[in-house]
Amino acid sequence: METPSRETRPEDGAGLVPADTAAPHKEDLSSKIKEQKIVVDELSNLKKHRKVYRQQQNSNIFFLTDRTEMLSESKNILDELKKEYQEIENSEKNKTKK
């Protein structure tokens, strides 16, 4: 049984960040990426017959969900987080070049 303790969505913190808050946002994003990598790894290593539950947002209620669907969704979230992190990295490099 796999239950991600907290589901991360890039939409929650997406967007450009002012320069003075970029470092904390980058660290937060880095920890979300690590967390999401663990979720993807755990879901990938589950046996096919294992049940997966998803926590209802802002609630303590869990619902049975499809393992492959959850894995696919988690990979997409991870890709979006990595993309956002890379954009922050690139913007920092561009600022230092100027």
C-alpha atoms as a PDB file:
ATOM      1  CA  MET A   1       0.000   0.000   0.000  1.00  0.00           C
ATOM      2  CA  GLU A   2       1.516   3.285  -1.095  1.00  0.00           C
ATOM      3  CA  THR A   3       0.205   6.600   0.130  1.00  0.00           C
ATOM      4  CA  PRO A   4       2.148   9.703  -0.748  1.00  0.00           C
ATOM      5  CA  SER A   5       2.111  11.801   2.377  1.00  0.00           C
ATOM      6  CA  ARG A   6       1.680  14.970   0.418  1.00  0.00           C
ATOM      7  CA  GLU A   7       0.914  15.320  -3.237  1.00  0.00           C
ATOM      8  CA  THR A   8       2.929  18.032  -4.914  1.00  0.00           C
ATOM      9  CA  ARG A   9       1.534  19.889  -7.843  1.00  0.00           C
ATOM     10  CA  PRO A  10       3.644  22.323  -9.828  1.00  0.00           C
ATOM     11  CA  GLU A  11       0.634  24.622 -10.182  1.00  0.00           C
ATOM     12  CA  ASP A  12       0.808  25.299  -6.432  1.00  0.00           C
ATOM     13  CA  GLY A  13       4.042  27.251  -6.703  1.00  0.00           C
ATOM     14  CA  ALA A  14       4.446  27.755 -10.440  1.00  0.00           C
ATOM     15  CA  GLY A  15       5.451  31.018 -11.997  1.00  0.00           C
ATOM     16  CA  LEU A  16       8.314  33.436 -11.926  1.00  0.00           C
ATOM     17  CA  VAL A  17       9.745  34.243  -8.538  1.00  0.00           C
ATOM     18  CA  PRO A  18      11.245  37.604  -7.556  1.00  0.00           C
ATOM     19  CA  ALA A  19      15.034  37.513  -7.194  1.00  0.00           C
ATOM     20  CA  ASP A  20      14.986  37.984  -3.420  1.00  0.00           C
ATOM     21  CA  THR A  21      12.848  34.858  -2.903  1.00  0.00           C
ATOM     22  CA  ALA A  22      14.398  32.685  -5.643  1.00  0.00           C
ATOM     23  CA  ALA A  23      16.817  30.865  -3.307  1.00  0.00           C
ATOM     24  CA  PRO A  24      14.179  29.637  -0.802  1.00  0.00           C
ATOM     25  CA  HIS A  25      11.881  28.683  -3.687  1.00  0.00           C
ATOM     26  CA  LYS A  26      14.728  26.774  -5.328  1.00  0.00           C
ATOM     27  CA  GLU A  27      15.429  24.859  -2.113  1.00  0.00           C
ATOM     28  CA  ASP A  28      11.729  24.096  -1.672  1.00  0.00           C
ATOM     29  CA  LEU A  29      11.517  22.931  -5.268  1.00  0.00           C
ATOM     30  CA  SER A  30      14.568  20.745  -4.764  1.00  0.00           C
ATOM     31  CA  SER A  31      12.988  19.037  -1.763  1.00  0.00           C
ATOM     32  CA  LYS A  32       9.729  18.533  -3.706  1.00  0.00           C
ATOM     33  CA  ILE A  33      11.712  16.922  -6.531  1.00  0.00           C
ATOM     34  CA  LYS A  34      13.409  14.546  -4.081  1.00  0.00           C
ATOM     35  CA  GLU A  35      10.053  13.680  -2.530  1.00  0.00           C
ATOM     36  CA  GLN A  36       8.476  13.064  -5.926  1.00  0.00           C
ATOM     37  CA  LYS A  37      11.413  10.865  -7.016  1.00  0.00           C
ATOM     38  CA  ILE A  38      10.769   8.682  -3.962  1.00  0.00           C
ATOM     39  CA  VAL A  39       7.056   8.435  -4.796  1.00  0.00           C
ATOM     40  CA  VAL A  40       7.858   7.409  -8.398  1.00  0.00           C
ATOM     41  CA  ASP A  41      10.426   4.873  -7.206  1.00  0.00           C
ATOM     42  CA  GLU A  42       8.057   3.361  -4.648  1.00  0.00           C
ATOM     43  CA  LEU A  43       5.219   3.096  -7.158  1.00  0.00           C
ATOM     44  CA  SER A  44       7.566   1.575  -9.749  1.00  0.00           C
ATOM     45  CA  ASN A  45       8.684  -1.142  -7.350  1.00  0.00           C
ATOM     46  CA  LEU A  46       5.233  -2.198  -6.199  1.00  0.00           C
ATOM     47  CA  LYS A  47       3.958  -5.597  -7.240  1.00  0.00           C
ATOM     48  CA  LYS A  48       1.104  -5.493  -9.723  1.00  0.00           C
ATOM     49  CA  HIS A  49      -1.502  -6.808  -7.295  1.00  0.00           C
ATOM     50  CA  ARG A  50      -0.767  -4.233  -4.575  1.00  0.00           C
ATOM     51  CA  LYS A  51      -3.393  -1.614  -3.822  1.00  0.00           C
ATOM     52  CA  VAL A  52      -2.608   2.088  -4.017  1.00  0.00           C
ATOM     53  CA  TYR A  53      -4.570   4.767  -2.223  1.00  0.00           C
ATOM     54  CA  ARG A  54      -4.642   8.480  -2.898  1.00  0.00           C
ATOM     55  CA  GLN A  55      -5.319  10.993  -0.160  1.00  0.00           C
ATOM     56  CA  GLN A  56      -8.146  13.391  -0.834  1.00  0.00           C
ATOM     57  CA  GLN A  57      -6.783  16.933  -0.898  1.00  0.00           C
ATOM     58  CA  ASN A  58      -7.207  18.792   2.425  1.00  0.00           C
ATOM     59  CA  SER A  59      -8.672  15.704   4.042  1.00  0.00           C
ATOM     60  CA  ASN A  60      -7.811  12.505   5.867  1.00  0.00           C
ATOM     61  CA  ILE A  61      -9.870  10.430   3.429  1.00  0.00           C
ATOM     62  CA  PHE A  62      -8.128   7.947   1.104  1.00  0.00           C
ATOM     63  CA  PHE A  63      -9.500   6.504  -2.128  1.00  0.00           C
ATOM     64  CA  LEU A  64      -8.385   3.423  -4.011  1.00  0.00           C
ATOM     65  CA  THR A  65      -6.681   4.354  -7.274  1.00  0.00           C
ATOM     66  CA  ASP A  66      -5.034   2.594 -10.197  1.00  0.00           C
ATOM     67  CA  ARG A  67      -1.302   1.979  -9.662  1.00  0.00           C
ATOM     68  CA  THR A  68      -0.294   2.610 -13.283  1.00  0.00           C
ATOM     69  CA  GLU A  69      -2.375   5.787 -13.450  1.00  0.00           C
ATOM     70  CA  MET A  70      -0.828   7.053 -10.233  1.00  0.00           C
ATOM     71  CA  LEU A  71       2.677   6.190 -11.469  1.00  0.00           C
ATOM     72  CA  SER A  72       2.098   8.028 -14.743  1.00  0.00           C
ATOM     73  CA  GLU A  73       0.718  11.066 -12.939  1.00  0.00           C
ATOM     74  CA  SER A  74       3.640  11.077 -10.497  1.00  0.00           C
ATOM     75  CA  LYS A  75       6.154  10.938 -13.355  1.00  0.00           C
ATOM     76  CA  ASN A  76       4.437  13.869 -15.057  1.00  0.00           C
ATOM     77  CA  ILE A  77       4.555  15.894 -11.834  1.00  0.00           C
ATOM     78  CA  LEU A  78       8.246  15.057 -11.445  1.00  0.00           C
ATOM     79  CA  ASP A  79       8.968  16.173 -15.018  1.00  0.00           C
ATOM     80  CA  GLU A  80       7.159  19.474 -14.460  1.00  0.00           C
ATOM     81  CA  LEU A  81       9.039  20.093 -11.201  1.00  0.00           C
ATOM     82  CA  LYS A  82      12.360  19.364 -12.911  1.00  0.00           C
ATOM     83  CA  LYS A  83      11.445  21.716 -15.748  1.00  0.00           C
ATOM     84  CA  GLU A  84      10.604  24.519 -13.297  1.00  0.00           C
ATOM     85  CA  TYR A  85      13.853  23.906 -11.390  1.00  0.00           C
ATOM     86  CA  GLN A  86      15.821  24.045 -14.649  1.00  0.00           C
ATOM     87  CA  GLU A  87      14.149  27.346 -15.574  1.00  0.00           C
ATOM     88  CA  ILE A  88      15.255  28.809 -12.233  1.00  0.00           C
ATOM     89  CA  GLU A  89      18.791  27.521 -12.812  1.00  0.00           C
ATOM     90  CA  ASN A  90      18.884  29.047 -16.294  1.00  0.00           C
ATOM     91  CA  SER A  91      17.552  32.407 -15.096  1.00  0.00           C
ATOM     92  CA  GLU A  92      20.230  32.509 -12.370  1.00  0.00           C
ATOM     93  CA  LYS A  93      22.938  31.745 -14.948  1.00  0.00           C
ATOM     94  CA  ASN A  94      21.627  34.488 -17.231  1.00  0.00           C
ATOM     95  CA  LYS A  95      21.683  37.008 -14.358  1.00  0.00           C
ATOM     96  CA  THR A  96      25.307  36.181 -13.509  1.00  0.00           C
ATOM     97  CA  LYS A  97      26.372  36.566 -17.157  1.00  0.00           C
ATOM     98  CA  LYS A  98      25.007  40.118 -17.368  1.00  0.00           C
END
